[in-house]
């Protein structure tokens, strides 16, 4: 069984906007494909990013939920 997966790189930083601190969030999809390929990418990313978080979403009906607004 091939499982579709996505690897998304996200970052946050604090910027000053009109003298008020604002948390800025950005994300970029860096890969999409079979789960084994995404696992290899996240293992490689963890080698040079000590703050890497991996969040795996599983659904009994096979949905990835990554096609919904704000999640990809």
N, C-alpha and C. Protein backbone atom coordinates (compact mmCIF):
# COMPACT_ATOMS: atom_id res chain seq x y z
N UNK A 1 0.84 -1.18 0.00
CA UNK A 1 0.00 0.00 0.00
C UNK A 1 0.89 1.24 0.00
N UNK A 2 0.68 2.12 -0.95
CA UNK A 2 1.42 3.37 -1.02
C UNK A 2 0.62 4.45 -0.32
N UNK A 3 1.26 5.11 0.61
CA UNK A 3 0.60 6.18 1.35
C UNK A 3 1.11 7.51 0.83
N UNK A 4 0.22 8.39 0.46
CA UNK A 4 0.62 9.73 0.02
C UNK A 4 0.95 10.56 1.24
N UNK A 5 2.01 11.33 1.13
CA UNK A 5 2.43 12.17 2.25
C UNK A 5 3.03 13.45 1.72
N UNK A 6 3.11 14.44 2.57
CA UNK A 6 3.73 15.72 2.23
C UNK A 6 4.72 16.09 3.32
N UNK A 7 5.76 16.78 2.93
CA UNK A 7 6.74 17.31 3.88
C UNK A 7 6.69 18.82 3.75
N UNK A 8 6.36 19.48 4.84
CA UNK A 8 6.20 20.93 4.84
C UNK A 8 7.21 21.54 5.79
N UNK A 9 7.94 22.51 5.31
CA UNK A 9 8.89 23.24 6.14
C UNK A 9 8.20 24.52 6.62
N UNK A 10 8.16 24.71 7.93
CA UNK A 10 7.50 25.89 8.49
C UNK A 10 8.46 26.62 9.41
N UNK A 11 8.30 27.91 9.49
CA UNK A 11 9.14 28.69 10.40
C UNK A 11 8.34 29.83 11.00
N UNK A 12 8.77 30.24 12.18
CA UNK A 12 8.16 31.39 12.83
C UNK A 12 9.26 32.34 13.26
N UNK A 13 8.95 33.60 13.28
CA UNK A 13 9.87 34.58 13.83
C UNK A 13 9.06 35.77 14.31
N UNK A 14 9.67 36.55 15.17
CA UNK A 14 9.00 37.72 15.72
C UNK A 14 9.52 38.94 15.00
N UNK A 15 8.61 39.73 14.48
CA UNK A 15 8.97 40.98 13.81
C UNK A 15 8.27 42.12 14.54
N UNK A 16 8.77 43.31 14.36
CA UNK A 16 8.15 44.48 14.98
C UNK A 16 7.34 45.22 13.93
N UNK A 17 6.08 45.42 14.23
CA UNK A 17 5.19 46.13 13.33
C UNK A 17 4.55 47.26 14.13
N UNK A 18 4.86 48.47 13.76
CA UNK A 18 4.38 49.65 14.47
C UNK A 18 4.68 49.53 15.97
N UNK A 19 5.89 49.15 16.29
CA UNK A 19 6.42 49.02 17.65
C UNK A 19 5.76 47.92 18.47
N UNK A 20 5.03 47.03 17.82
CA UNK A 20 4.42 45.89 18.51
C UNK A 20 5.02 44.61 17.97
N UNK A 21 5.41 43.68 18.85
CA UNK A 21 5.94 42.41 18.35
C UNK A 21 4.83 41.57 17.72
N UNK A 22 5.12 41.00 16.58
CA UNK A 22 4.16 40.18 15.86
C UNK A 22 4.83 38.85 15.52
N UNK A 23 4.15 37.75 15.81
CA UNK A 23 4.66 36.43 15.46
C UNK A 23 4.29 36.16 14.01
N UNK A 24 5.29 35.90 13.18
CA UNK A 24 5.06 35.64 11.75
C UNK A 24 5.31 34.16 11.48
N UNK A 25 4.41 33.54 10.75
CA UNK A 25 4.49 32.12 10.43
C UNK A 25 4.55 31.96 8.92
N UNK A 26 5.42 31.10 8.46
CA UNK A 26 5.44 30.80 7.03
C UNK A 26 5.70 29.31 6.85
N UNK A 27 5.21 28.77 5.75
CA UNK A 27 5.44 27.35 5.47
C UNK A 27 5.63 27.14 3.98
N UNK A 28 6.38 26.11 3.65
CA UNK A 28 6.65 25.75 2.27
C UNK A 28 6.61 24.24 2.14
N UNK A 29 5.86 23.75 1.17
CA UNK A 29 5.86 22.31 0.93
C UNK A 29 7.14 21.97 0.19
N UNK A 30 7.95 21.07 0.77
CA UNK A 30 9.22 20.74 0.14
C UNK A 30 9.22 19.38 -0.55
N UNK A 31 8.19 18.57 -0.30
CA UNK A 31 8.13 17.27 -0.98
C UNK A 31 6.73 16.68 -0.82
N UNK A 32 6.37 15.83 -1.77
CA UNK A 32 5.12 15.10 -1.70
C UNK A 32 5.34 13.77 -2.40
N UNK A 33 4.85 12.69 -1.81
CA UNK A 33 5.03 11.39 -2.43
C UNK A 33 4.77 10.27 -1.45
N UNK A 34 5.32 9.09 -1.74
CA UNK A 34 5.14 7.94 -0.86
C UNK A 34 5.72 8.22 0.53
N UNK A 35 5.10 7.63 1.54
CA UNK A 35 5.51 7.86 2.93
C UNK A 35 6.98 7.53 3.15
N UNK A 36 7.49 6.47 2.54
CA UNK A 36 8.90 6.10 2.76
C UNK A 36 9.85 7.21 2.27
N UNK A 37 9.48 7.88 1.17
CA UNK A 37 10.31 8.99 0.67
C UNK A 37 10.28 10.17 1.63
N UNK A 38 9.10 10.47 2.17
CA UNK A 38 8.97 11.57 3.12
C UNK A 38 9.72 11.24 4.40
N UNK A 39 9.68 9.99 4.84
CA UNK A 39 10.45 9.58 6.03
C UNK A 39 11.94 9.82 5.82
N UNK A 40 12.44 9.52 4.63
CA UNK A 40 13.87 9.74 4.33
C UNK A 40 14.20 11.23 4.36
N UNK A 41 13.31 12.06 3.84
CA UNK A 41 13.54 13.51 3.85
C UNK A 41 13.55 14.04 5.27
N UNK A 42 12.59 13.62 6.10
CA UNK A 42 12.56 14.13 7.47
C UNK A 42 13.76 13.65 8.27
N UNK A 43 14.24 12.45 8.01
CA UNK A 43 15.46 11.97 8.67
C UNK A 43 16.65 12.83 8.28
N UNK A 44 16.76 13.16 7.00
CA UNK A 44 17.85 14.02 6.53
C UNK A 44 17.74 15.42 7.14
N UNK A 45 16.53 16.00 7.15
CA UNK A 45 16.32 17.33 7.72
C UNK A 45 16.68 17.36 9.21
N UNK A 46 16.35 16.29 9.94
CA UNK A 46 16.66 16.23 11.37
C UNK A 46 18.16 16.24 11.62
N UNK A 47 18.95 15.84 10.64
CA UNK A 47 20.40 15.83 10.78
C UNK A 47 21.00 17.21 10.89
N UNK A 48 20.33 18.22 10.35
CA UNK A 48 20.89 19.57 10.43
C UNK A 48 19.93 20.59 11.05
N UNK A 49 18.74 20.17 11.46
CA UNK A 49 17.80 21.08 12.11
C UNK A 49 17.38 20.50 13.46
N UNK A 50 18.04 20.92 14.55
CA UNK A 50 17.74 20.35 15.86
C UNK A 50 16.36 20.73 16.38
N UNK A 51 15.70 21.72 15.78
CA UNK A 51 14.37 22.14 16.22
C UNK A 51 13.26 21.55 15.36
N UNK A 52 13.57 20.55 14.57
CA UNK A 52 12.58 19.96 13.67
C UNK A 52 11.46 19.29 14.46
N UNK A 53 10.24 19.58 14.07
CA UNK A 53 9.07 18.91 14.63
C UNK A 53 8.44 18.10 13.50
N UNK A 54 8.08 16.87 13.79
CA UNK A 54 7.38 16.04 12.81
C UNK A 54 5.99 15.77 13.37
N UNK A 55 4.98 16.16 12.62
CA UNK A 55 3.60 15.93 13.02
C UNK A 55 2.98 15.03 11.96
N UNK A 56 2.58 13.85 12.36
CA UNK A 56 2.00 12.89 11.42
C UNK A 56 0.50 12.80 11.66
N UNK A 57 -0.26 13.01 10.61
CA UNK A 57 -1.72 12.98 10.69
C UNK A 57 -2.19 11.72 9.99
N UNK A 58 -2.93 10.88 10.71
CA UNK A 58 -3.46 9.67 10.12
C UNK A 58 -4.98 9.69 10.22
N UNK A 59 -5.62 9.16 9.20
CA UNK A 59 -7.07 9.11 9.16
C UNK A 59 -7.50 7.71 8.75
N UNK A 60 -8.48 7.18 9.43
CA UNK A 60 -8.96 5.83 9.10
C UNK A 60 -9.51 5.73 7.69
N UNK A 61 -10.06 6.83 7.19
CA UNK A 61 -10.63 6.79 5.84
C UNK A 61 -9.63 7.21 4.76
N UNK A 62 -8.35 7.36 5.12
CA UNK A 62 -7.31 7.63 4.14
C UNK A 62 -7.09 9.09 3.79
N UNK A 63 -7.80 10.00 4.42
CA UNK A 63 -7.61 11.43 4.15
C UNK A 63 -6.31 11.90 4.78
N UNK A 64 -5.61 12.80 4.09
CA UNK A 64 -4.38 13.35 4.65
C UNK A 64 -4.63 14.66 5.38
N UNK A 65 -5.75 15.30 5.12
CA UNK A 65 -6.12 16.59 5.70
C UNK A 65 -5.23 17.72 5.23
N UNK A 66 -4.23 17.43 4.41
CA UNK A 66 -3.31 18.46 3.95
C UNK A 66 -3.87 19.29 2.81
N UNK A 67 -5.02 18.88 2.29
CA UNK A 67 -5.62 19.66 1.20
C UNK A 67 -6.56 20.75 1.72
N UNK A 68 -6.68 20.87 3.03
CA UNK A 68 -7.55 21.89 3.60
C UNK A 68 -6.79 23.20 3.79
N UNK A 69 -7.50 24.31 3.67
CA UNK A 69 -6.88 25.63 3.81
C UNK A 69 -6.11 25.74 5.12
N UNK A 70 -4.90 26.28 5.02
CA UNK A 70 -4.09 26.53 6.20
C UNK A 70 -3.27 25.35 6.68
N UNK A 71 -3.42 24.19 6.07
CA UNK A 71 -2.70 23.01 6.54
C UNK A 71 -1.59 22.57 5.60
N UNK A 72 -1.45 23.22 4.48
CA UNK A 72 -0.37 22.84 3.56
C UNK A 72 0.28 24.06 2.98
